[in-house]
Amino acid sequence: MHVACQVGAKDIVKILLTYPDVKTDIRNCEGKSPEDSIERGSKNVIELEFKKAQKGKELLNALSNRDIYRAKTLLDGELSPNCWRRTYSG
């Protein structure tokens, strides 16, 4: 994760963040976390991926704990009930 962040490999970071047991708080020999190691040119894009991954984990936790209120709060504004259209087949 550290190397992918250092070289700005956003696609690799995105893939690594999909693993359920990924740890993003591990420090390297310099005491930096992966987020501290992000290359400047890719900082905004990779930080956004970290935020999306964190929100996804929170959503999965809320759903697995059957905390519907928390899940709805996390999804607020992202999913609208009107985004699905009914088809003729239902």
PDB file of N, CA and C in Angstrom:
ATOM      1  N   MET A   1       0.831  -1.179   0.000  1.00  0.00           N
ATOM      2  CA  MET A   1       0.000   0.000   0.000  1.00  0.00           C
ATOM      3  C   MET A   1       0.878   1.246   0.000  1.00  0.00           C
ATOM      4  N   HIS A   2       1.933   1.223   0.824  1.00  0.00           N
ATOM      5  CA  HIS A   2       2.817   2.383   0.896  1.00  0.00           C
ATOM      6  C   HIS A   2       3.442   2.688  -0.469  1.00  0.00           C
ATOM      7  N   VAL A   3       3.929   1.662  -1.133  1.00  0.00           N
ATOM      8  CA  VAL A   3       4.593   1.863  -2.427  1.00  0.00           C
ATOM      9  C   VAL A   3       3.599   2.391  -3.462  1.00  0.00           C
ATOM     10  N   ALA A   4       2.408   1.815  -3.492  1.00  0.00           N
ATOM     11  CA  ALA A   4       1.389   2.269  -4.445  1.00  0.00           C
ATOM     12  C   ALA A   4       1.048   3.742  -4.206  1.00  0.00           C
ATOM     13  N   CYS A   5       0.959   4.145  -2.945  1.00  0.00           N
ATOM     14  CA  CYS A   5       0.676   5.552  -2.632  1.00  0.00           C
ATOM     15  C   CYS A   5       1.856   6.448  -3.017  1.00  0.00           C
ATOM     16  N   GLN A   6       3.072   5.968  -2.782  1.00  0.00           N
ATOM     17  CA  GLN A   6       4.260   6.768  -3.083  1.00  0.00           C
ATOM     18  C   GLN A   6       4.420   7.037  -4.568  1.00  0.00           C
ATOM     19  N   VAL A   7       4.071   6.063  -5.395  1.00  0.00           N
ATOM     20  CA  VAL A   7       4.241   6.253  -6.838  1.00  0.00           C
ATOM     21  C   VAL A   7       2.974   6.768  -7.512  1.00  0.00           C
ATOM     22  N   GLY A   8       1.912   6.958  -6.754  1.00  0.00           N
ATOM     23  CA  GLY A   8       0.675   7.513  -7.307  1.00  0.00           C
ATOM     24  C   GLY A   8      -0.119   6.511  -8.133  1.00  0.00           C
ATOM     25  N   ALA A   9      -0.003   5.222  -7.805  1.00  0.00           N
ATOM     26  CA  ALA A   9      -0.726   4.178  -8.538  1.00  0.00           C
ATOM     27  C   ALA A   9      -2.140   4.051  -7.993  1.00  0.00           C
ATOM     28  N   LYS A  10      -3.014   4.964  -8.429  1.00  0.00           N
ATOM     29  CA  LYS A  10      -4.368   5.018  -7.875  1.00  0.00           C
ATOM     30  C   LYS A  10      -5.156   3.744  -8.127  1.00  0.00           C
ATOM     31  N   ASP A  11      -4.966   3.089  -9.274  1.00  0.00           N
ATOM     32  CA  ASP A  11      -5.705   1.858  -9.553  1.00  0.00           C
ATOM     33  C   ASP A  11      -5.295   0.736  -8.604  1.00  0.00           C
ATOM     34  N   ILE A  12      -4.011   0.650  -8.283  1.00  0.00           N
ATOM     35  CA  ILE A  12      -3.537  -0.366  -7.344  1.00  0.00           C
ATOM     36  C   ILE A  12      -4.073  -0.073  -5.946  1.00  0.00           C
ATOM     37  N   VAL A  13      -4.048   1.196  -5.559  1.00  0.00           N
ATOM     38  CA  VAL A  13      -4.585   1.585  -4.246  1.00  0.00           C
ATOM     39  C   VAL A  13      -6.058   1.207  -4.169  1.00  0.00           C
ATOM     40  N   LYS A  14      -6.785   1.482  -5.245  1.00  0.00           N
ATOM     41  CA  LYS A  14      -8.216   1.167  -5.286  1.00  0.00           C
ATOM     42  C   LYS A  14      -8.440  -0.336  -5.105  1.00  0.00           C
ATOM     43  N   ILE A  15      -7.635  -1.149  -5.768  1.00  0.00           N
ATOM     44  CA  ILE A  15      -7.758  -2.603  -5.642  1.00  0.00           C
ATOM     45  C   ILE A  15      -7.422  -3.050  -4.223  1.00  0.00           C
ATOM     46  N   LEU A  16      -6.333  -2.534  -3.677  1.00  0.00           N
ATOM     47  CA  LEU A  16      -5.928  -2.924  -2.325  1.00  0.00           C
ATOM     48  C   LEU A  16      -6.980  -2.545  -1.289  1.00  0.00           C
ATOM     49  N   LEU A  17      -7.635  -1.424  -1.490  1.00  0.00           N
ATOM     50  CA  LEU A  17      -8.648  -0.981  -0.529  1.00  0.00           C
ATOM     51  C   LEU A  17      -9.915  -1.829  -0.572  1.00  0.00           C
ATOM     52  N   THR A  18     -10.077  -2.649  -1.610  1.00  0.00           N
ATOM     53  CA  THR A  18     -11.259  -3.511  -1.670  1.00  0.00           C
ATOM     54  C   THR A  18     -11.112  -4.755  -0.815  1.00  0.00           C
ATOM     55  N   TYR A  19      -9.896  -5.084  -0.392  1.00  0.00           N
ATOM     56  CA  TYR A  19      -9.699  -6.245   0.457  1.00  0.00           C
ATOM     57  C   TYR A  19     -10.304  -5.986   1.831  1.00  0.00           C
ATOM     58  N   PRO A  20     -11.084  -6.935   2.344  1.00  0.00           N
ATOM     59  CA  PRO A  20     -11.789  -6.703   3.608  1.00  0.00           C
ATOM     60  C   PRO A  20     -10.872  -6.509   4.815  1.00  0.00           C
ATOM     61  N   ASP A  21      -9.712  -7.142   4.820  1.00  0.00           N
ATOM     62  CA  ASP A  21      -8.832  -7.050   5.986  1.00  0.00           C
ATOM     63  C   ASP A  21      -7.656  -6.103   5.786  1.00  0.00           C
ATOM     64  N   VAL A  22      -7.765  -5.210   4.820  1.00  0.00           N
ATOM     65  CA  VAL A  22      -6.655  -4.283   4.573  1.00  0.00           C
ATOM     66  C   VAL A  22      -6.495  -3.347   5.772  1.00  0.00           C
ATOM     67  N   LYS A  23      -5.264  -3.136   6.144  1.00  0.00           N
ATOM     68  CA  LYS A  23      -4.971  -2.242   7.270  1.00  0.00           C
ATOM     69  C   LYS A  23      -4.302  -0.991   6.711  1.00  0.00           C
ATOM     70  N   THR A  24      -4.950   0.129   6.890  1.00  0.00           N
ATOM     71  CA  THR A  24      -4.422   1.380   6.338  1.00  0.00           C
ATOM     72  C   THR A  24      -3.696   2.208   7.383  1.00  0.00           C
ATOM     73  N   ASP A  25      -3.571   1.673   8.583  1.00  0.00           N
ATOM     74  CA  ASP A  25      -2.913   2.439   9.644  1.00  0.00           C
ATOM     75  C   ASP A  25      -1.520   1.904   9.990  1.00  0.00           C
ATOM     76  N   ILE A  26      -1.016   0.954   9.207  1.00  0.00           N
ATOM     77  CA  ILE A  26       0.316   0.396   9.457  1.00  0.00           C
ATOM     78  C   ILE A  26       1.374   1.420   9.056  1.00  0.00           C
ATOM     79  N   ARG A  27       2.377   1.560   9.891  1.00  0.00           N
ATOM     80  CA  ARG A  27       3.458   2.526   9.654  1.00  0.00           C
ATOM     81  C   ARG A  27       4.655   1.836   9.009  1.00  0.00           C
ATOM     82  N   ASN A  28       5.343   2.562   8.120  1.00  0.00           N
ATOM     83  CA  ASN A  28       6.563   2.021   7.528  1.00  0.00           C
ATOM     84  C   ASN A  28       7.758   2.359   8.421  1.00  0.00           C
ATOM     85  N   CYS A  29       8.973   2.071   7.944  1.00  0.00           N
ATOM     86  CA  CYS A  29      10.174   2.297   8.763  1.00  0.00           C
ATOM     87  C   CYS A  29      10.413   3.778   9.054  1.00  0.00           C
ATOM     88  N   GLU A  30       9.780   4.656   8.270  1.00  0.00           N
ATOM     89  CA  GLU A  30       9.886   6.102   8.508  1.00  0.00           C
ATOM     90  C   GLU A  30       8.780   6.619   9.412  1.00  0.00           C
ATOM     91  N   GLY A  31       7.907   5.708   9.849  1.00  0.00           N
ATOM     92  CA  GLY A  31       6.806   6.094  10.722  1.00  0.00           C
ATOM     93  C   GLY A  31       5.619   6.691   9.983  1.00  0.00           C
ATOM     94  N   LYS A  32       5.565   6.502   8.667  1.00  0.00           N
ATOM     95  CA  LYS A  32       4.472   7.068   7.863  1.00  0.00           C
ATOM     96  C   LYS A  32       3.416   6.014   7.564  1.00  0.00           C
ATOM     97  N   SER A  33       2.159   6.444   7.567  1.00  0.00           N
ATOM     98  CA  SER A  33       1.060   5.583   7.136  1.00  0.00           C
ATOM     99  C   SER A  33       0.975   5.676   5.610  1.00  0.00           C
ATOM    100  N   PRO A  34       0.206   4.803   4.965  1.00  0.00           N
ATOM    101  CA  PRO A  34       0.058   4.921   3.514  1.00  0.00           C
ATOM    102  C   PRO A  34      -0.460   6.304   3.087  1.00  0.00           C
ATOM    103  N   GLU A  35      -1.388   6.849   3.847  1.00  0.00           N
ATOM    104  CA  GLU A  35      -1.929   8.171   3.493  1.00  0.00           C
ATOM    105  C   GLU A  35      -0.874   9.266   3.611  1.00  0.00           C
ATOM    106  N   ASP A  36       0.065   9.101   4.541  1.00  0.00           N
ATOM    107  CA  ASP A  36       1.150  10.076   4.681  1.00  0.00           C
ATOM    108  C   ASP A  36       2.138   9.973   3.528  1.00  0.00           C
ATOM    109  N   SER A  37       2.127   8.845   2.825  1.00  0.00           N
ATOM    110  CA  SER A  37       3.099   8.582   1.762  1.00  0.00           C
ATOM    111  C   SER A  37       2.592   8.933   0.368  1.00  0.00           C
ATOM    112  N   ILE A  38       1.387   9.466   0.264  1.00  0.00           N
ATOM    113  CA  ILE A  38       0.791   9.729  -1.051  1.00  0.00           C
ATOM    114  C   ILE A  38       1.607  10.770  -1.815  1.00  0.00           C
ATOM    115  N   GLU A  39       1.859  10.440  -3.075  1.00  0.00           N
ATOM    116  CA  GLU A  39       2.590  11.329  -3.967  1.00  0.00           C
ATOM    117  C   GLU A  39       1.742  12.572  -4.230  1.00  0.00           C
ATOM    118  N   ARG A  40       2.364  13.726  -4.256  1.00  0.00           N
ATOM    119  CA  ARG A  40       1.633  14.998  -4.342  1.00  0.00           C
ATOM    120  C   ARG A  40       0.702  15.111  -5.543  1.00  0.00           C
ATOM    121  N   GLY A  41       1.131  14.667  -6.694  1.00  0.00           N
ATOM    122  CA  GLY A  41       0.311  14.803  -7.902  1.00  0.00           C
ATOM    123  C   GLY A  41      -0.974  13.991  -7.868  1.00  0.00           C
ATOM    124  N   SER A  42      -1.017  12.965  -7.040  1.00  0.00           N
ATOM    125  CA  SER A  42      -2.184  12.084  -6.962  1.00  0.00           C
ATOM    126  C   SER A  42      -2.929  12.232  -5.650  1.00  0.00           C
ATOM    127  N   LYS A  43      -2.537  13.167  -4.841  1.00  0.00           N
ATOM    128  CA  LYS A  43      -3.052  13.278  -3.475  1.00  0.00           C
ATOM    129  C   LYS A  43      -4.581  13.322  -3.419  1.00  0.00           C
ATOM    130  N   ASN A  44      -5.201  14.191  -4.202  1.00  0.00           N
ATOM    131  CA  ASN A  44      -6.661  14.342  -4.137  1.00  0.00           C
ATOM    132  C   ASN A  44      -7.385  13.064  -4.535  1.00  0.00           C
ATOM    133  N   VAL A  45      -6.908  12.419  -5.599  1.00  0.00           N
ATOM    134  CA  VAL A  45      -7.573  11.222  -6.110  1.00  0.00           C
ATOM    135  C   VAL A  45      -7.442  10.068  -5.125  1.00  0.00           C
ATOM    136  N   ILE A  46      -6.232   9.845  -4.624  1.00  0.00           N
ATOM    137  CA  ILE A  46      -6.015   8.714  -3.714  1.00  0.00           C
ATOM    138  C   ILE A  46      -6.682   8.953  -2.361  1.00  0.00           C
ATOM    139  N   GLU A  47      -6.666  10.180  -1.869  1.00  0.00           N
ATOM    140  CA  GLU A  47      -7.362  10.471  -0.610  1.00  0.00           C
ATOM    141  C   GLU A  47      -8.856  10.207  -0.742  1.00  0.00           C
ATOM    142  N   LEU A  48      -9.411  10.514  -1.905  1.00  0.00           N
ATOM    143  CA  LEU A  48     -10.828  10.238  -2.148  1.00  0.00           C
ATOM    144  C   LEU A  48     -11.099   8.737  -2.087  1.00  0.00           C
ATOM    145  N   GLU A  49     -10.190   7.930  -2.622  1.00  0.00           N
ATOM    146  CA  GLU A  49     -10.348   6.472  -2.563  1.00  0.00           C
ATOM    147  C   GLU A  49     -10.317   5.975  -1.120  1.00  0.00           C
ATOM    148  N   PHE A  50      -9.440   6.548  -0.300  1.00  0.00           N
ATOM    149  CA  PHE A  50      -9.391   6.175   1.110  1.00  0.00           C
ATOM    150  C   PHE A  50     -10.711   6.528   1.799  1.00  0.00           C
ATOM    151  N   LYS A  51     -11.263   7.695   1.490  1.00  0.00           N
ATOM    152  CA  LYS A  51     -12.531   8.108   2.100  1.00  0.00           C
ATOM    153  C   LYS A  51     -13.666   7.185   1.672  1.00  0.00           C
ATOM    154  N   LYS A  52     -13.706   6.827   0.373  1.00  0.00           N
ATOM    155  CA  LYS A  52     -14.752   5.933  -0.113  1.00  0.00           C
ATOM    156  C   LYS A  52     -14.642   4.565   0.544  1.00  0.00           C
ATOM    157  N   ALA A  53     -13.424   4.074   0.698  1.00  0.00           N
ATOM    158  CA  ALA A  53     -13.223   2.765   1.333  1.00  0.00           C
ATOM    159  C   ALA A  53     -13.678   2.791   2.785  1.00  0.00           C
ATOM    160  N   GLN A  54     -13.365   3.871   3.481  1.00  0.00           N
ATOM    161  CA  GLN A  54     -13.769   3.992   4.888  1.00  0.00           C
ATOM    162  C   GLN A  54     -15.288   4.039   5.007  1.00  0.00           C
ATOM    163  N   LYS A  55     -15.914   4.795   4.125  1.00  0.00           N
ATOM    164  CA  LYS A  55     -17.374   4.897   4.165  1.00  0.00           C
ATOM    165  C   LYS A  55     -18.014   3.558   3.819  1.00  0.00           C
ATOM    166  N   GLY A  56     -17.419   2.833   2.883  1.00  0.00           N
ATOM    167  CA  GLY A  56     -17.929   1.515   2.517  1.00  0.00           C
ATOM    168  C   GLY A  56     -17.849   0.543   3.679  1.00  0.00           C
ATOM    169  N   LYS A  57     -16.742   0.583   4.413  1.00  0.00           N
ATOM    170  CA  LYS A  57     -16.600  -0.295   5.582  1.00  0.00           C
ATOM    171  C   LYS A  57     -17.615   0.064   6.654  1.00  0.00           C
ATOM    172  N   GLU A  58     -17.827   1.352   6.869  1.00  0.00           N
ATOM    173  CA  GLU A  58     -18.822   1.781   7.853  1.00  0.00           C
ATOM    174  C   GLU A  58     -20.211   1.308   7.448  1.00  0.00           C
ATOM    175  N   LEU A  59     -20.512   1.394   6.158  1.00  0.00           N
ATOM    176  CA  LEU A  59     -21.819   0.965   5.666  1.00  0.00           C
ATOM    177  C   LEU A  59     -21.996  -0.535   5.853  1.00  0.00           C
ATOM    178  N   LEU A  60     -20.974  -1.317   5.518  1.00  0.00           N
ATOM    179  CA  LEU A  60     -21.064  -2.765   5.712  1.00  0.00           C
ATOM    180  C   LEU A  60     -21.235  -3.126   7.179  1.00  0.00           C
ATOM    181  N   ASN A  61     -20.525  -2.429   8.043  1.00  0.00           N
ATOM    182  CA  ASN A  61     -20.674  -2.680   9.483  1.00  0.00           C
ATOM    183  C   ASN A  61     -22.087  -2.357   9.951  1.00  0.00           C
ATOM    184  N   ALA A  62     -22.612  -1.236   9.493  1.00  0.00           N
ATOM    185  CA  ALA A  62     -23.968  -0.855   9.887  1.00  0.00           C
ATOM    186  C   ALA A  62     -24.984  -1.884   9.401  1.00  0.00           C
ATOM    187  N   LEU A  63     -24.829  -2.329   8.156  1.00  0.00           N
ATOM    188  CA  LEU A  63     -25.769  -3.306   7.623  1.00  0.00           C
ATOM    189  C   LEU A  63     -25.644  -4.652   8.317  1.00  0.00           C
ATOM    190  N   SER A  64     -24.410  -5.067   8.617  1.00  0.00           N
ATOM    191  CA  SER A  64     -24.241  -6.363   9.287  1.00  0.00           C
ATOM    192  C   SER A  64     -24.759  -6.319  10.721  1.00  0.00           C
ATOM    193  N   ASN A  65     -24.767  -5.141  11.325  1.00  0.00           N
ATOM    194  CA  ASN A  65     -25.320  -4.983  12.673  1.00  0.00           C
ATOM    195  C   ASN A  65     -26.805  -4.641  12.650  1.00  0.00           C
ATOM    196  N   ARG A  66     -27.374  -4.618  11.457  1.00  0.00           N
ATOM    197  CA  ARG A  66     -28.792  -4.292  11.241  1.00  0.00           C
ATOM    198  C   ARG A  66     -29.157  -2.904  11.778  1.00  0.00           C
ATOM    199  N   ASP A  67     -28.190  -2.006  11.682  1.00  0.00           N
ATOM    200  CA  ASP A  67     -28.398  -0.622  12.097  1.00  0.00           C
ATOM    201  C   ASP A  67     -28.840   0.178  10.869  1.00  0.00           C
ATOM    202  N   ILE A  68     -30.114   0.052  10.555  1.00  0.00           N
ATOM    203  CA  ILE A  68     -30.653   0.654   9.340  1.00  0.00           C
ATOM    204  C   ILE A  68     -30.558   2.175   9.379  1.00  0.00           C
ATOM    205  N   TYR A  69     -30.771   2.761  10.553  1.00  0.00           N
ATOM    206  CA  TYR A  69     -30.684   4.217  10.659  1.00  0.00           C
ATOM    207  C   TYR A  69     -29.288   4.706  10.278  1.00  0.00           C
ATOM    208  N   ARG A  70     -28.251   4.036  10.791  1.00  0.00           N
ATOM    209  CA  ARG A  70     -26.868   4.420  10.472  1.00  0.00           C
ATOM    210  C   ARG A  70     -26.586   4.224   8.986  1.00  0.00           C
ATOM    211  N   ALA A  71     -27.069   3.126   8.413  1.00  0.00           N
ATOM    212  CA  ALA A  71     -26.871   2.858   6.990  1.00  0.00           C
ATOM    213  C   ALA A  71     -27.540   3.937   6.143  1.00  0.00           C
ATOM    214  N   LYS A  72     -28.753   4.317   6.514  1.00  0.00           N
ATOM    215  CA  LYS A  72     -29.450   5.363   5.769  1.00  0.00           C
ATOM    216  C   LYS A  72     -28.712   6.694   5.881  1.00  0.00           C
ATOM    217  N   THR A  73     -28.154   6.970   7.064  1.00  0.00           N
ATOM    218  CA  THR A  73     -27.392   8.202   7.257  1.00  0.00           C
ATOM    219  C   THR A  73     -26.157   8.226   6.353  1.00  0.00           C
ATOM    220  N   LEU A  74     -25.474   7.078   6.249  1.00  0.00           N
ATOM    221  CA  LEU A  74     -24.289   7.006   5.396  1.00  0.00           C
ATOM    222  C   LEU A  74     -24.639   7.154   3.923  1.00  0.00           C
ATOM    223  N   LEU A  75     -25.803   6.668   3.550  1.00  0.00           N
ATOM    224  CA  LEU A  75     -26.219   6.740   2.153  1.00  0.00           C
ATOM    225  C   LEU A  75     -26.966   8.019   1.811  1.00  0.00           C
ATOM    226  N   ASP A  76     -27.245   8.832   2.796  1.00  0.00           N
ATOM    227  CA  ASP A  76     -28.026  10.046   2.592  1.00  0.00           C
ATOM    228  C   ASP A  76     -27.451  10.877   1.457  1.00  0.00           C
ATOM    229  N   GLY A  77     -28.267  11.114   0.472  1.00  0.00           N
ATOM    230  CA  GLY A  77     -27.862  11.945  -0.644  1.00  0.00           C
ATOM    231  C   GLY A  77     -27.192  11.178  -1.770  1.00  0.00           C
ATOM    232  N   GLU A  78     -26.775   9.935  -1.525  1.00  0.00           N
ATOM    233  CA  GLU A  78     -26.110   9.180  -2.577  1.00  0.00           C
ATOM    234  C   GLU A  78     -27.071   8.294  -3.350  1.00  0.00           C
ATOM    235  N   LEU A  79     -28.072   7.788  -2.671  1.00  0.00           N
ATOM    236  CA  LEU A  79     -29.064   6.964  -3.338  1.00  0.00           C
ATOM    237  C   LEU A  79     -30.435   7.574  -3.124  1.00  0.00           C
ATOM    238  N   SER A  80     -31.115   7.745  -4.172  1.00  0.00           N
ATOM    239  CA  SER A  80     -32.462   8.280  -4.101  1.00  0.00           C
ATOM    240  C   SER A  80     -33.424   7.159  -4.486  1.00  0.00           C
ATOM    241  N   PRO A  81     -34.553   7.055  -3.794  1.00  0.00           N
ATOM    242  CA  PRO A  81     -35.510   6.014  -4.171  1.00  0.00           C
ATOM    243  C   PRO A  81     -35.998   6.181  -5.598  1.00  0.00           C
ATOM    244  N   ASN A  82     -35.840   7.367  -6.160  1.00  0.00           N
ATOM    245  CA  ASN A  82     -36.300   7.618  -7.514  1.00  0.00           C
ATOM    246  C   ASN A  82     -35.271   7.233  -8.570  1.00  0.00           C
ATOM    247  N   CYS A  83     -34.122   6.711  -8.135  1.00  0.00           N
ATOM    248  CA  CYS A  83     -33.092   6.383  -9.111  1.00  0.00           C
ATOM    249  C   CYS A  83     -33.369   5.066  -9.814  1.00  0.00           C
ATOM    250  N   TRP A  84     -34.294   4.261  -9.281  1.00  0.00           N
ATOM    251  CA  TRP A  84     -34.659   3.018  -9.956  1.00  0.00           C
ATOM    252  C   TRP A  84     -35.976   3.228 -10.678  1.00  0.00           C
ATOM    253  N   ARG A  85     -36.021   2.799 -11.891  1.00  0.00           N
ATOM    254  CA  ARG A  85     -37.261   2.938 -12.646  1.00  0.00           C
ATOM    255  C   ARG A  85     -37.930   1.580 -12.783  1.00  0.00           C
ATOM    256  N   ARG A  86     -39.206   1.580 -12.611  1.00  0.00           N
ATOM    257  CA  ARG A  86     -39.954   0.333 -12.723  1.00  0.00           C
ATOM    258  C   ARG A  86     -40.079  -0.015 -14.215  1.00  0.00           C
ATOM    259  N   THR A  87     -39.813  -1.282 -14.504  1.00  0.00           N
ATOM    260  CA  THR A  87     -39.952  -1.758 -15.870  1.00  0.00           C
ATOM    261  C   THR A  87     -41.281  -2.467 -16.005  1.00  0.00           C
ATOM    262  N   TYR A  88     -41.619  -2.822 -17.208  1.00  0.00           N
ATOM    263  CA  TYR A  88     -42.886  -3.502 -17.429  1.00  0.00           C
ATOM    264  C   TYR A  88     -42.911  -4.872 -16.740  1.00  0.00           C
ATOM    265  N   SER A  89     -41.738  -5.497 -16.606  1.00  0.00           N
ATOM    266  CA  SER A  89     -41.688  -6.805 -15.955  1.00  0.00           C
ATOM    267  C   SER A  89     -41.643  -6.690 -14.441  1.00  0.00           C
ATOM    268  N   GLY A  90     -41.587  -5.460 -13.929  1.00  0.00           N
ATOM    269  CA  GLY A  90     -41.598  -5.257 -12.490  1.00  0.00           C
ATOM    270  C   GLY A  90     -40.224  -5.085 -11.950  1.00  0.00           C
TER     271      GLY A  90
END
